[in-house]
Amino acid sequence: MDIRELETDLTEILADMTASEGLINTLTAGVHPDHRLSAKNLIRYLILRSTDLRAYHGLLSDLGLSSLRTAEGYVYSNLFQVVRNLSLIRGEAFTHQPDVEIIGYMRSLELLRTHSDALFQAGGEGRSRIMVTLPADAADDASVVRDLARHGMDIARINLSHDDEEEWEAMVAHVREAGERVGRHIPIYMDLAGPKLRTGDIAYREKGGKVKGSLPVQVGDRIHLRKSSSGIRIKKTDRVIPVDVDAVVDDARLDDRILFDDGLVMGRVVGRQAYQIEIELLECHKAKIGSEKGINLPETRLDLPSLTDKDLADLPFVCRHADLVGYSFVRTAEDVRRLHAELERHAGGQVGVVLKIENQEAFDHLPDILLAGMERSRVGVMVARGDLAVEIGFERIAEVQNEILWLCEAAHIPVVWATQVLDNLAKTGIPTRAEISDAAQSAQAECVMLNKGPNIRAAVRLLQGILTRMEGHATKRKSELRALNVARAGLERLRG
């Protein structure tokens, strides 16, 4: 490739962005004024990443020009300057003067910082924020929360899947009191429970009379997943697992994958009836399936509301007490707008929303979800790596995690890096080498979430030190910029 060919190719992409400005204005008309420029930049990024850009980096670097690999936050400005400089290098006049509102590099950093400060309301002095899940004893013992605050907790997380309003209210009071003690505001983040796809109560008994209480499995076995609502009694010798959410049975199609217990057991649907599905097991990294274990159906479009009856009942409490709410099981832009409407109904317009990307469908619709999220002023994204890894496959989690980071940076939306950060340290007191490296990588996000454990204070201290040191080295990483399927598909949907 020579300079002329390089300039021609990049000029075509720039021309596509410029010609799309009318559509971009239409698509971003509904976003909050605070996010208008960011929403435009996101759509321009989708245009950029719909092309494989890997062939251009070498020549651009040889010419001393930007290789486009850090263009997420200021897409048009970066590409415009590259094309302009290529033209000047070739000794030709550059007359392209588009009527486009441009975000430069410094402005992109300012927008991301402003949006992060608005969402998290605290912390961020030279490093990513630290969010900590409060343990159950934080409701009974105020010193638990005070210690976490003193050791570096910026944001307190309350998981609404556990405990009840009495315990949550006590936790809220202890967080507010701890904030007064340390002299800074500690925002409260409340996670909505969302739909829980789990195995029911398994009462399996072997024919010889030995009680299992779980279902022994091996590759090649065929088992059945049956609706608890069917009313059909499950004999203790039947290889049948009850499930409380009917949609698991109703919506699973033949040949769809189904995973149990964080993906340790995997099978495919090979038969179905109105009240149950038959599953052939293809992978068994565990010799049994127990009660109350997670179920994932990455290839199944489940007809389930993203807000459960429990979520709707919990939202008034959230609106009274939370600074931020985490939205589980979000899958589409319509899901986002439904939560927005419910928050407004309960006078929760001031509550920041963190959209949890934890399933395949949410990732596939990420551009649409981000644009819908930006219809409110305070929005963030959580990369829920646990469920997401099960859904998309563990071999893809690093790739997908990076794509989420890139799209959110293009939208100037802060990201929460979550799931098993320093988990071994929090639980046992001893970190693994791999999780130290993971914690260092988490500095790419604007917030990092720690789960509870007996050694959580040590984990907070260590994470604070790692994030502070990493901030001095880098904020984001360069990438090769192959075309992204999520960008192409998102752009096609937006263009209709």
Protein backbone atom coordinates (compact mmCIF):
# COMPACT_ATOMS: atom_id res chain seq x y z
CA MET A 1 0.00 0.00 0.00
CA ASP A 2 1.30 3.48 -0.90
CA ILE A 3 0.42 6.87 0.57
CA ARG A 4 -2.10 7.71 -2.15
CA GLU A 5 -4.01 4.45 -1.65
CA LEU A 6 -3.92 4.96 2.13
CA GLU A 7 -5.28 8.49 1.78
CA THR A 8 -8.03 7.32 -0.60
CA ASP A 9 -9.21 4.58 1.77
CA LEU A 10 -9.27 6.81 4.84
CA THR A 11 -10.92 9.65 2.91
CA GLU A 12 -13.76 7.29 2.02
CA ILE A 13 -14.35 6.49 5.70
CA LEU A 14 -14.24 10.20 6.56
CA ALA A 15 -16.68 10.95 3.76
CA ASP A 16 -19.05 8.27 5.08
CA MET A 17 -18.97 9.90 8.52
CA THR A 18 -19.59 13.34 7.04
CA ALA A 19 -22.45 12.11 4.85
CA SER A 20 -24.01 10.38 7.87
CA GLU A 21 -24.19 13.60 9.91
CA GLY A 22 -27.89 14.10 9.21
CA LEU A 23 -28.70 10.57 10.34
CA ILE A 24 -26.43 10.99 13.36
CA ASN A 25 -28.31 14.14 14.37
CA THR A 26 -31.60 12.26 14.08
CA LEU A 27 -30.38 9.26 16.08
CA THR A 28 -29.02 11.43 18.88
CA ALA A 29 -31.96 13.83 19.10
CA GLY A 30 -33.36 12.06 22.18
CA VAL A 31 -30.19 11.85 24.25
CA HIS A 32 -29.60 14.09 27.25
CA PRO A 33 -27.82 17.34 26.37
CA ASP A 34 -24.86 16.26 28.53
CA HIS A 35 -24.31 13.31 26.17
CA ARG A 36 -25.14 14.79 22.79
CA LEU A 37 -21.55 15.09 21.54
CA SER A 38 -20.66 11.72 23.07
CA ALA A 39 -23.57 9.97 21.34
CA LYS A 40 -22.46 11.41 18.00
CA ASN A 41 -18.92 10.22 18.64
CA LEU A 42 -20.20 6.72 19.42
CA ILE A 43 -21.99 6.44 16.07
CA ARG A 44 -18.91 7.73 14.24
CA TYR A 45 -16.90 5.07 16.06
CA LEU A 46 -19.31 2.40 14.80
CA ILE A 47 -18.64 3.66 11.26
CA LEU A 48 -14.88 3.56 11.84
CA ARG A 49 -14.89 0.07 13.38
CA SER A 50 -17.05 -1.40 10.64
CA THR A 51 -13.86 -1.40 8.53
CA ASP A 52 -10.77 -3.54 9.07
CA LEU A 53 -8.06 -0.94 9.76
CA ARG A 54 -5.13 -3.24 10.51
CA ALA A 55 -3.41 -2.73 7.14
CA TYR A 56 -3.00 1.01 7.75
CA HIS A 57 -1.07 1.10 11.06
CA GLY A 58 2.41 0.36 9.74
CA LEU A 59 2.52 3.01 7.04
CA LEU A 60 0.88 5.62 9.29
CA SER A 61 3.49 4.95 11.97
CA ASP A 62 6.33 5.16 9.43
CA LEU A 63 4.98 8.57 8.42
CA GLY A 64 4.85 9.72 12.03
CA LEU A 65 1.06 9.95 11.98
CA SER A 66 -1.61 8.66 14.32
CA SER A 67 -2.37 5.01 13.63
CA LEU A 68 -6.01 5.50 14.73
CA ARG A 69 -5.51 3.05 17.61
CA THR A 70 -6.39 5.55 20.32
CA ALA A 71 -9.21 7.29 18.46
CA GLU A 72 -12.14 6.01 20.55
CA GLY A 73 -12.93 9.26 22.33
CA TYR A 74 -12.41 11.66 19.41
CA VAL A 75 -13.07 9.70 16.24
CA TYR A 76 -13.82 12.41 13.66
CA SER A 77 -11.05 14.74 14.81
CA ASN A 78 -8.46 11.97 14.73
CA LEU A 79 -9.41 10.70 11.27
CA PHE A 80 -9.80 14.24 9.90
CA GLN A 81 -6.27 15.18 10.99
CA VAL A 82 -4.79 11.96 9.58
CA VAL A 83 -6.37 12.55 6.16
CA ARG A 84 -5.37 16.21 6.23
CA ASN A 85 -1.75 15.37 7.04
CA LEU A 86 -1.58 12.67 4.37
CA SER A 87 -2.73 15.24 1.83
CA LEU A 88 -0.11 17.74 2.98
CA ILE A 89 2.65 15.10 2.90
CA ARG A 90 1.78 14.46 -0.73
CA GLY A 91 2.03 18.21 -1.41
CA GLU A 92 -1.63 18.69 -2.17
CA ALA A 93 -3.94 21.39 -0.81
CA PHE A 94 -6.48 20.21 1.74
CA THR A 95 -9.82 21.97 1.28
CA HIS A 96 -12.20 19.63 3.11
CA GLN A 97 -14.22 21.80 5.52
CA PRO A 98 -17.11 19.74 6.90
CA ASP A 99 -19.91 21.29 8.94
CA VAL A 100 -19.36 18.84 11.80
CA GLU A 101 -19.04 19.57 15.50
CA ILE A 102 -15.71 18.01 16.37
CA ILE A 103 -14.43 16.62 19.68
CA GLY A 104 -10.67 16.79 20.09
CA TYR A 105 -8.46 14.65 22.29
CA MET A 106 -8.46 16.93 25.34
CA ARG A 107 -12.21 17.47 25.07
CA SER A 108 -12.77 13.70 24.95
CA LEU A 109 -10.82 13.25 28.19
CA GLU A 110 -12.78 16.07 29.79
CA LEU A 111 -16.12 14.51 28.77
CA LEU A 112 -15.24 11.09 30.17
CA ARG A 113 -13.98 12.65 33.40
CA THR A 114 -17.09 14.83 33.72
CA HIS A 115 -19.43 11.90 33.13
CA SER A 116 -17.51 9.75 35.63
CA ASP A 117 -17.65 12.45 38.29
CA ALA A 118 -21.37 12.96 37.68
CA LEU A 119 -22.11 9.22 37.94
CA PHE A 120 -19.93 8.26 40.90
CA GLN A 121 -20.05 11.60 42.75
CA ALA A 122 -16.95 10.76 44.78
CA GLY A 123 -13.40 9.47 44.55
CA GLY A 124 -11.39 9.48 41.36
CA GLU A 125 -8.44 11.47 42.68
CA GLY A 126 -5.87 10.14 40.27
CA ARG A 127 -7.16 6.56 40.05
CA SER A 128 -10.18 4.39 39.28
CA ARG A 129 -12.86 4.27 41.98
CA ILE A 130 -13.22 1.21 44.20
CA MET A 131 -16.68 -0.25 44.77
CA VAL A 132 -17.07 -2.81 47.57
CA THR A 133 -19.96 -5.23 48.12
CA LEU A 134 -21.12 -4.91 51.72
CA PRO A 135 -21.26 -8.18 53.67
CA ALA A 136 -24.38 -9.14 55.63
CA ASP A 137 -22.81 -8.10 58.95
CA ALA A 138 -22.56 -4.52 57.66
CA ALA A 139 -26.21 -4.24 58.71
CA ASP A 140 -25.45 -5.13 62.33
CA ASP A 141 -21.97 -3.70 62.82
CA ALA A 142 -21.25 -0.12 61.75
CA SER A 143 -17.52 -0.65 62.28
CA VAL A 144 -17.44 -2.99 59.24
CA VAL A 145 -18.41 -0.13 56.96
CA ARG A 146 -16.17 2.38 58.76
CA ASP A 147 -13.15 0.09 58.28
CA LEU A 148 -13.86 -0.29 54.57
CA ALA A 149 -14.20 3.47 54.20
CA ARG A 150 -10.91 4.07 55.99
CA HIS A 151 -9.12 1.51 53.85
CA GLY A 152 -10.18 3.08 50.53
CA MET A 153 -13.76 2.11 49.63
CA ASP A 154 -15.18 4.85 47.38
CA ILE A 155 -18.61 3.33 46.66
CA ALA A 156 -20.65 0.89 48.78
CA ARG A 157 -22.61 -1.81 46.95
CA ILE A 158 -25.77 -3.39 48.38
CA ASN A 159 -26.94 -6.52 46.58
CA LEU A 160 -30.74 -6.56 46.65
CA SER A 161 -30.76 -10.30 45.90
CA HIS A 162 -30.01 -10.84 49.59
CA ASP A 163 -31.47 -9.66 52.92
CA ASP A 164 -34.49 -7.34 53.13
CA GLU A 165 -35.40 -3.70 53.55
CA GLU A 166 -34.64 -3.68 57.26
CA GLU A 167 -31.07 -4.86 56.69
CA TRP A 168 -30.62 -2.58 53.67
CA GLU A 169 -31.80 0.43 55.66
CA ALA A 170 -29.30 -0.34 58.40
CA MET A 171 -26.51 -0.64 55.81
CA VAL A 172 -27.50 2.72 54.31
CA ALA A 173 -27.36 4.38 57.72
CA HIS A 174 -23.93 2.87 58.41
CA VAL A 175 -22.58 4.04 55.02
CA ARG A 176 -23.79 7.59 55.63
CA GLU A 177 -22.29 7.56 59.12
CA ALA A 178 -18.97 6.19 57.78
CA GLY A 179 -18.88 8.95 55.19
CA GLU A 180 -19.23 11.57 57.91
CA ARG A 181 -16.44 9.92 59.89
CA VAL A 182 -13.95 9.95 57.00
CA GLY A 183 -15.05 13.33 55.74
CA ARG A 184 -16.23 12.39 52.25
CA HIS A 185 -19.40 11.29 50.51
CA ILE A 186 -19.63 7.53 49.93
CA PRO A 187 -22.23 6.84 47.23
CA ILE A 188 -24.50 3.82 47.62
CA TYR A 189 -24.96 1.49 44.66
CA MET A 190 -27.90 -0.94 44.80
CA ASP A 191 -28.05 -3.93 42.47
CA LEU A 192 -31.50 -5.03 41.33
CA ALA A 193 -31.82 -8.81 41.53
CA GLY A 194 -33.28 -9.34 38.06
CA PRO A 195 -34.60 -12.71 36.85
CA LYS A 196 -32.87 -15.68 38.48
CA LEU A 197 -32.51 -18.67 36.19
CA ARG A 198 -31.66 -21.50 38.56
CA THR A 199 -32.26 -25.18 39.09
CA GLY A 200 -34.99 -25.94 41.60
CA ASP A 201 -34.90 -28.22 44.61
CA ILE A 202 -33.48 -31.54 43.41
CA ALA A 203 -34.52 -34.53 45.50
CA TYR A 204 -32.96 -37.29 43.39
CA ARG A 205 -32.53 -40.72 44.97
CA GLU A 206 -30.64 -43.59 43.34
CA LYS A 207 -32.61 -46.77 42.76
CA GLY A 208 -30.58 -48.51 45.42
CA GLY A 209 -31.97 -46.07 47.96
CA LYS A 210 -28.95 -43.76 48.37
CA VAL A 211 -30.07 -40.15 48.71
CA LYS A 212 -28.20 -37.69 46.50
CA GLY A 213 -30.02 -34.35 46.76
CA SER A 214 -28.29 -33.55 43.47
CA LEU A 215 -28.24 -35.17 40.05
CA PRO A 216 -25.10 -37.16 39.13
CA VAL A 217 -24.12 -36.50 35.51
CA GLN A 218 -21.63 -37.56 32.87
CA VAL A 219 -21.09 -36.85 29.19
CA GLY A 220 -23.73 -38.56 27.05
CA ASP A 221 -26.42 -38.55 29.73
CA ARG A 222 -29.89 -37.33 28.87
CA ILE A 223 -31.75 -35.36 31.52
CA HIS A 224 -34.97 -33.38 31.59
CA LEU A 225 -35.64 -29.83 32.71
CA ARG A 226 -39.26 -29.51 33.84
CA LYS A 227 -41.43 -26.53 34.73
CA SER A 228 -42.22 -26.49 38.45
CA SER A 229 -45.58 -24.99 37.46
CA SER A 230 -46.51 -28.08 35.41
CA GLY A 231 -47.95 -29.81 38.44
CA ILE A 232 -46.47 -33.11 37.26
CA ARG A 233 -44.85 -34.87 40.18
CA ILE A 234 -41.17 -35.66 39.85
CA LYS A 235 -40.32 -39.10 41.23
CA LYS A 236 -37.14 -39.23 43.26
CA THR A 237 -35.69 -41.75 40.82
CA ASP A 238 -36.40 -39.54 37.77
CA ARG A 239 -33.46 -37.78 36.14
CA VAL A 240 -35.45 -34.56 36.10
CA ILE A 241 -34.50 -31.07 37.30
CA PRO A 242 -37.28 -28.65 38.22
CA VAL A 243 -37.04 -25.02 37.11
CA ASP A 244 -39.21 -22.18 38.46
CA VAL A 245 -38.94 -19.86 35.41
CA ASP A 246 -41.24 -21.26 32.73
CA ALA A 247 -39.49 -19.31 29.95
CA VAL A 248 -36.47 -21.62 30.21
CA VAL A 249 -38.63 -24.49 28.94
CA ASP A 250 -41.00 -22.45 26.76
CA ASP A 251 -38.36 -20.55 24.81
CA ALA A 252 -35.49 -23.05 24.44
CA ARG A 253 -35.32 -24.40 20.88
CA LEU A 254 -33.97 -27.68 19.62
CA ASP A 255 -30.14 -27.62 19.48
CA ASP A 256 -29.86 -24.56 21.76
CA ARG A 257 -27.01 -24.76 24.25
CA ILE A 258 -27.84 -24.82 27.95
CA LEU A 259 -25.27 -24.47 30.74
CA PHE A 260 -25.46 -25.21 34.45
CA ASP A 261 -23.43 -24.06 37.46
CA ASP A 262 -21.28 -21.35 35.83
CA GLY A 263 -20.81 -23.46 32.71
CA LEU A 264 -19.37 -26.50 34.47
CA VAL A 265 -22.01 -28.69 32.81
CA MET A 266 -23.14 -28.06 29.23
CA GLY A 267 -25.64 -29.73 26.97
CA ARG A 268 -27.94 -29.17 24.00
CA VAL A 269 -31.70 -29.39 23.76
CA VAL A 270 -32.59 -32.57 21.87
CA GLY A 271 -36.30 -32.88 22.61
CA ARG A 272 -39.17 -30.86 23.96
CA GLN A 273 -42.69 -31.15 25.30
CA ALA A 274 -45.04 -28.47 26.58
CA TYR A 275 -43.89 -28.97 30.17
CA GLN A 276 -40.23 -30.04 29.83
CA ILE A 277 -37.17 -30.16 27.58
CA GLU A 278 -34.74 -33.05 27.07
CA ILE A 279 -31.03 -32.23 27.22
CA GLU A 280 -28.08 -34.32 26.05
CA LEU A 281 -24.97 -33.51 28.11
CA LEU A 282 -21.85 -32.75 26.06
CA GLU A 283 -19.44 -31.44 28.72
CA CYS A 284 -19.31 -32.29 32.41
CA HIS A 285 -16.53 -30.59 34.36
CA LYS A 286 -18.45 -31.47 37.49
CA ALA A 287 -19.95 -34.84 38.38
CA LYS A 288 -23.30 -33.49 39.54
CA ILE A 289 -25.85 -30.72 39.12
CA GLY A 290 -27.04 -29.34 42.43
CA SER A 291 -30.08 -27.39 43.57
CA GLU A 292 -30.13 -23.60 43.16
CA LYS A 293 -27.40 -23.59 40.51
CA GLY A 294 -27.35 -21.03 37.70
CA ILE A 295 -28.73 -21.77 34.24
CA ASN A 296 -27.54 -19.96 31.10
CA LEU A 297 -29.06 -20.19 27.63
CA PRO A 298 -26.77 -18.05 25.43
CA GLU A 299 -28.51 -18.97 22.16
CA THR A 300 -32.08 -18.61 23.44
CA ARG A 301 -34.09 -15.40 23.27
CA LEU A 302 -35.98 -15.56 26.54
CA ASP A 303 -39.39 -13.93 26.75
CA LEU A 304 -38.74 -12.52 30.21
CA PRO A 305 -39.22 -9.03 31.63
CA SER A 306 -35.91 -7.42 32.56
CA LEU A 307 -37.61 -6.02 35.67
CA THR A 308 -39.16 -8.71 37.86
CA ASP A 309 -41.98 -8.20 40.34
CA LYS A 310 -39.35 -8.13 43.07
CA ASP A 311 -37.37 -5.44 41.23
CA LEU A 312 -40.50 -3.31 40.84
CA ALA A 313 -41.26 -3.73 44.54
CA ASP A 314 -37.68 -2.77 45.46
CA LEU A 315 -37.48 0.34 43.24
CA PRO A 316 -39.26 2.73 45.66
CA PHE A 317 -36.62 1.88 48.31
CA VAL A 318 -33.86 2.35 45.72
CA CYS A 319 -35.20 5.76 44.74
CA ARG A 320 -35.31 6.88 48.37
CA HIS A 321 -31.84 5.73 49.38
CA ALA A 322 -29.54 4.88 46.45
CA ASP A 323 -27.18 7.13 44.52
CA LEU A 324 -26.78 4.48 41.80
CA VAL A 325 -28.79 1.48 40.67
CA GLY A 326 -27.38 -1.56 38.88
CA TYR A 327 -29.66 -2.96 36.16
CA SER A 328 -29.41 -6.73 35.84
CA PHE A 329 -30.57 -8.69 32.78
CA VAL A 330 -30.75 -5.66 30.49
CA ARG A 331 -30.83 -6.89 26.88
CA THR A 332 -32.24 -4.14 24.65
CA ALA A 333 -32.76 -0.39 24.42
CA GLU A 334 -36.43 -0.98 25.31
CA ASP A 335 -35.33 -2.57 28.60
CA VAL A 336 -33.32 0.56 29.40
CA ARG A 337 -36.25 2.86 28.71
CA ARG A 338 -38.53 0.75 30.90
CA LEU A 339 -36.24 1.24 33.89
CA HIS A 340 -36.04 4.97 33.15
CA ALA A 341 -39.84 5.16 33.20
CA GLU A 342 -40.06 3.27 36.49
CA LEU A 343 -37.45 5.52 38.10
CA GLU A 344 -39.37 8.60 37.02
CA ARG A 345 -42.58 7.09 38.39
CA HIS A 346 -40.96 6.83 41.81
CA ALA A 347 -39.29 10.27 41.70
CA GLY A 348 -35.91 8.64 41.08
CA GLY A 349 -34.75 10.98 38.37
CA GLN A 350 -31.59 11.75 40.35
CA VAL A 351 -30.48 8.10 40.58
CA GLY A 352 -27.58 7.12 38.34
CA VAL A 353 -28.06 3.97 36.23
CA VAL A 354 -25.36 1.33 35.70
CA LEU A 355 -26.25 -1.04 32.85
CA LYS A 356 -24.89 -4.53 33.53
CA ILE A 357 -23.69 -6.31 30.40
CA GLU A 358 -23.94 -9.92 31.47
CA ASN A 359 -25.40 -11.89 28.56
CA GLN A 360 -24.92 -12.42 24.84
CA GLU A 361 -28.01 -10.46 23.85
CA ALA A 362 -26.90 -7.38 25.82
CA PHE A 363 -23.50 -7.43 24.16
CA ASP A 364 -25.03 -7.83 20.70
CA HIS A 365 -27.22 -4.75 21.32
CA LEU A 366 -24.61 -2.70 23.17
CA PRO A 367 -24.61 0.34 20.81
CA ASP A 368 -28.41 0.65 21.06
CA ILE A 369 -28.28 0.14 24.84
CA LEU A 370 -25.67 2.87 25.24
CA LEU A 371 -27.68 5.36 23.19
CA ALA A 372 -30.79 4.62 25.26
CA GLY A 373 -28.77 4.93 28.46
CA MET A 374 -27.58 8.36 27.41
CA GLU A 375 -31.15 9.64 27.45
CA ARG A 376 -30.45 10.32 31.16
CA SER A 377 -27.56 12.38 32.45
CA ARG A 378 -26.00 9.80 34.80
CA VAL A 379 -25.18 6.49 33.12
CA GLY A 380 -22.47 3.85 33.35
CA VAL A 381 -21.82 0.28 32.26
CA MET A 382 -20.74 -2.72 34.31
CA VAL A 383 -18.82 -5.53 32.61
CA ALA A 384 -20.30 -8.45 34.57
CA ARG A 385 -17.58 -10.86 33.55
CA GLY A 386 -18.91 -13.91 35.41
CA ASP A 387 -22.21 -14.49 33.63
CA LEU A 388 -20.86 -12.94 30.44
CA ALA A 389 -17.99 -15.45 30.29
CA VAL A 390 -20.42 -18.35 30.69
CA GLU A 391 -22.67 -16.99 27.94
CA ILE A 392 -20.05 -16.14 25.32
CA GLY A 393 -17.39 -18.70 26.27
CA PHE A 394 -14.36 -18.23 28.49
CA GLU A 395 -12.03 -18.09 25.50
CA ARG A 396 -13.78 -14.91 24.28
CA ILE A 397 -14.20 -12.97 27.52
CA ALA A 398 -10.98 -10.93 27.16
CA GLU A 399 -11.87 -9.97 23.58
CA VAL A 400 -15.46 -9.01 24.40
CA GLN A 401 -14.40 -7.17 27.54
CA ASN A 402 -12.10 -4.99 25.42
CA GLU A 403 -14.83 -4.32 22.86
CA ILE A 404 -17.14 -3.13 25.64
CA LEU A 405 -14.39 -0.84 26.96
CA TRP A 406 -13.80 0.62 23.48
CA LEU A 407 -17.48 1.30 22.79
CA CYS A 408 -17.96 2.88 26.20
CA GLU A 409 -14.87 5.06 25.74
CA ALA A 410 -16.27 6.18 22.39
CA ALA A 411 -19.49 7.15 24.21
CA HIS A 412 -17.52 8.72 27.10
CA ILE A 413 -19.43 6.41 29.45
CA PRO A 414 -17.67 5.25 32.63
CA VAL A 415 -17.16 1.50 33.09
CA VAL A 416 -17.26 -0.68 36.20
CA TRP A 417 -14.89 -3.69 35.98
CA ALA A 418 -16.52 -6.49 37.97
CA THR A 419 -16.39 -10.16 38.99
CA GLN A 420 -13.67 -11.96 40.95
CA VAL A 421 -11.25 -9.03 41.20
CA LEU A 422 -8.73 -10.07 43.91
CA ASP A 423 -11.26 -12.75 44.84
CA ASN A 424 -8.72 -15.20 46.25
CA LEU A 425 -7.18 -12.49 48.41
CA ALA A 426 -10.58 -11.42 49.76
CA LYS A 427 -11.52 -15.02 50.59
CA THR A 428 -8.22 -16.56 51.74
CA GLY A 429 -5.88 -13.66 52.45
CA ILE A 430 -3.46 -14.74 49.68
CA PRO A 431 -3.64 -13.24 46.17
CA THR A 432 -2.80 -15.25 43.08
CA ARG A 433 -0.35 -13.88 40.52
CA ALA A 434 -3.06 -13.95 37.85
CA GLU A 435 -5.47 -11.84 39.87
CA ILE A 436 -2.77 -9.25 40.56
CA SER A 437 -2.32 -8.89 36.78
CA ASP A 438 -6.10 -8.71 36.37
CA ALA A 439 -6.30 -5.97 39.00
CA ALA A 440 -3.63 -4.01 37.14
CA GLN A 441 -5.62 -4.35 33.90
CA SER A 442 -8.74 -3.09 35.68
CA ALA A 443 -7.17 0.40 35.77
CA GLN A 444 -8.55 0.78 32.23
CA ALA A 445 -12.00 1.14 33.79
CA GLU A 446 -13.30 4.11 35.76
CA CYS A 447 -14.41 1.90 38.66
CA VAL A 448 -13.44 -1.55 39.94
CA MET A 449 -15.77 -3.74 42.00
CA LEU A 450 -14.67 -6.04 44.81
CA ASN A 451 -16.87 -8.74 46.29
CA LYS A 452 -17.09 -9.51 49.96
CA GLY A 453 -14.81 -11.85 51.90
CA PRO A 454 -13.17 -12.16 55.32
CA ASN A 455 -10.06 -10.36 54.03
CA ILE A 456 -11.83 -7.67 52.03
CA ARG A 457 -9.99 -4.82 53.79
CA ALA A 458 -6.65 -6.19 52.62
CA ALA A 459 -8.07 -6.48 49.08
CA VAL A 460 -9.23 -2.84 49.15
CA ARG A 461 -5.80 -1.67 50.37
CA LEU A 462 -3.94 -3.65 47.72
CA LEU A 463 -6.27 -2.60 44.91
CA GLN A 464 -5.92 1.03 45.88
CA GLY A 465 -2.14 0.77 45.63
CA ILE A 466 -2.25 -1.06 42.28
CA LEU A 467 -4.68 1.42 40.72
CA THR A 468 -2.69 4.42 41.94
CA ARG A 469 0.53 3.05 40.46
CA MET A 470 -1.05 1.98 37.18
CA GLU A 471 -2.61 5.41 36.68
CA GLY A 472 0.90 6.79 36.23
CA HIS A 473 1.67 4.38 33.40
CA ALA A 474 -1.37 4.27 31.14
CA THR A 475 -5.10 4.75 30.97
CA LYS A 476 -6.20 2.87 27.86
CA ARG A 477 -4.50 0.43 25.48
CA LYS A 478 -3.81 0.42 21.76
CA SER A 479 -5.51 -2.16 19.59
CA GLU A 480 -5.11 -3.49 16.07
CA LEU A 481 -8.61 -2.34 14.99
CA ARG A 482 -9.93 -5.25 13.01
CA ALA A 483 -13.58 -4.74 12.05
CA LEU A 484 -15.99 -5.35 14.93
CA ASN A 485 -19.13 -7.40 14.31
CA VAL A 486 -20.88 -5.55 17.14
CA ALA A 487 -20.11 -2.24 15.39
CA ARG A 488 -21.27 -3.45 11.97
CA ALA A 489 -24.51 -4.95 13.33
CA GLY A 490 -25.21 -1.92 15.52
CA LEU A 491 -24.66 0.45 12.61
CA GLU A 492 -26.94 -1.58 10.36
CA ARG A 493 -29.73 -1.43 12.96
CA LEU A 494 -29.32 2.32 13.43
CA ARG A 495 -29.26 2.99 9.69
CA GLY A 496 -32.33 0.79 9.25
